[in-house]
């Protein structure tokens, strides 16, 4: 659905809700929040990438990756970790509610960003519940396409371990599946991060299984 000029304007104004809030700078692998954290805050990610994940013993399950411009809450049972040097503006929930009431025209933008994040979490859970790992990998690769092309190039910015955690498998299984896709001529590795999707039609069929 196309973004209306009014919607685009409110989205661009969204950072104003957080302009003079506490700014926290995170180094790679630093935790912003964890399940036992007593703080109940809302934050705006100004730069960098954060990972939202659950951890049970030695098992780690990534719910979503947050990017610059995303809004999220620390009041969950998830860990929130910086994947790279990042900067967030943080405000407690009470004061955020007061600011939202004072700027009602921005409520839609906040809701839209939070809904997109929640949708990403649900997609991840749905994939784990209803699709096998090959389908999840094919769907993940196709989701990285930014420009339509017959054989699009994609850049995998996560490590093999992080990608495996995102699609709910082990690093060894992921490496094996990628090697299998290469042997089948469906993908081609060009560099450590860059890949070519050689047969999007076949990958789409695989993702739908």
Foldseek 3Di string as FASTA:
>chain_A
DDQDPLNVVLLVCVCVLQVPADKDKDAAFDWPAAQVDPAKKKKAWQAAKKWKWDDDPPAIATQDIDGHSAMDIRNDNTIIGTRHTTMMGMDGPVVSVVSCVVVVSNPVSNVVRVVVSVVSSVVLVCCVVPHDLLLLVLVVVVVQFDDDDQWGKGFAPDALQVVCNHNPHHSVVSVVSVVVCVVVVQKADDDRGMIIGNHNPVSNVSNVD
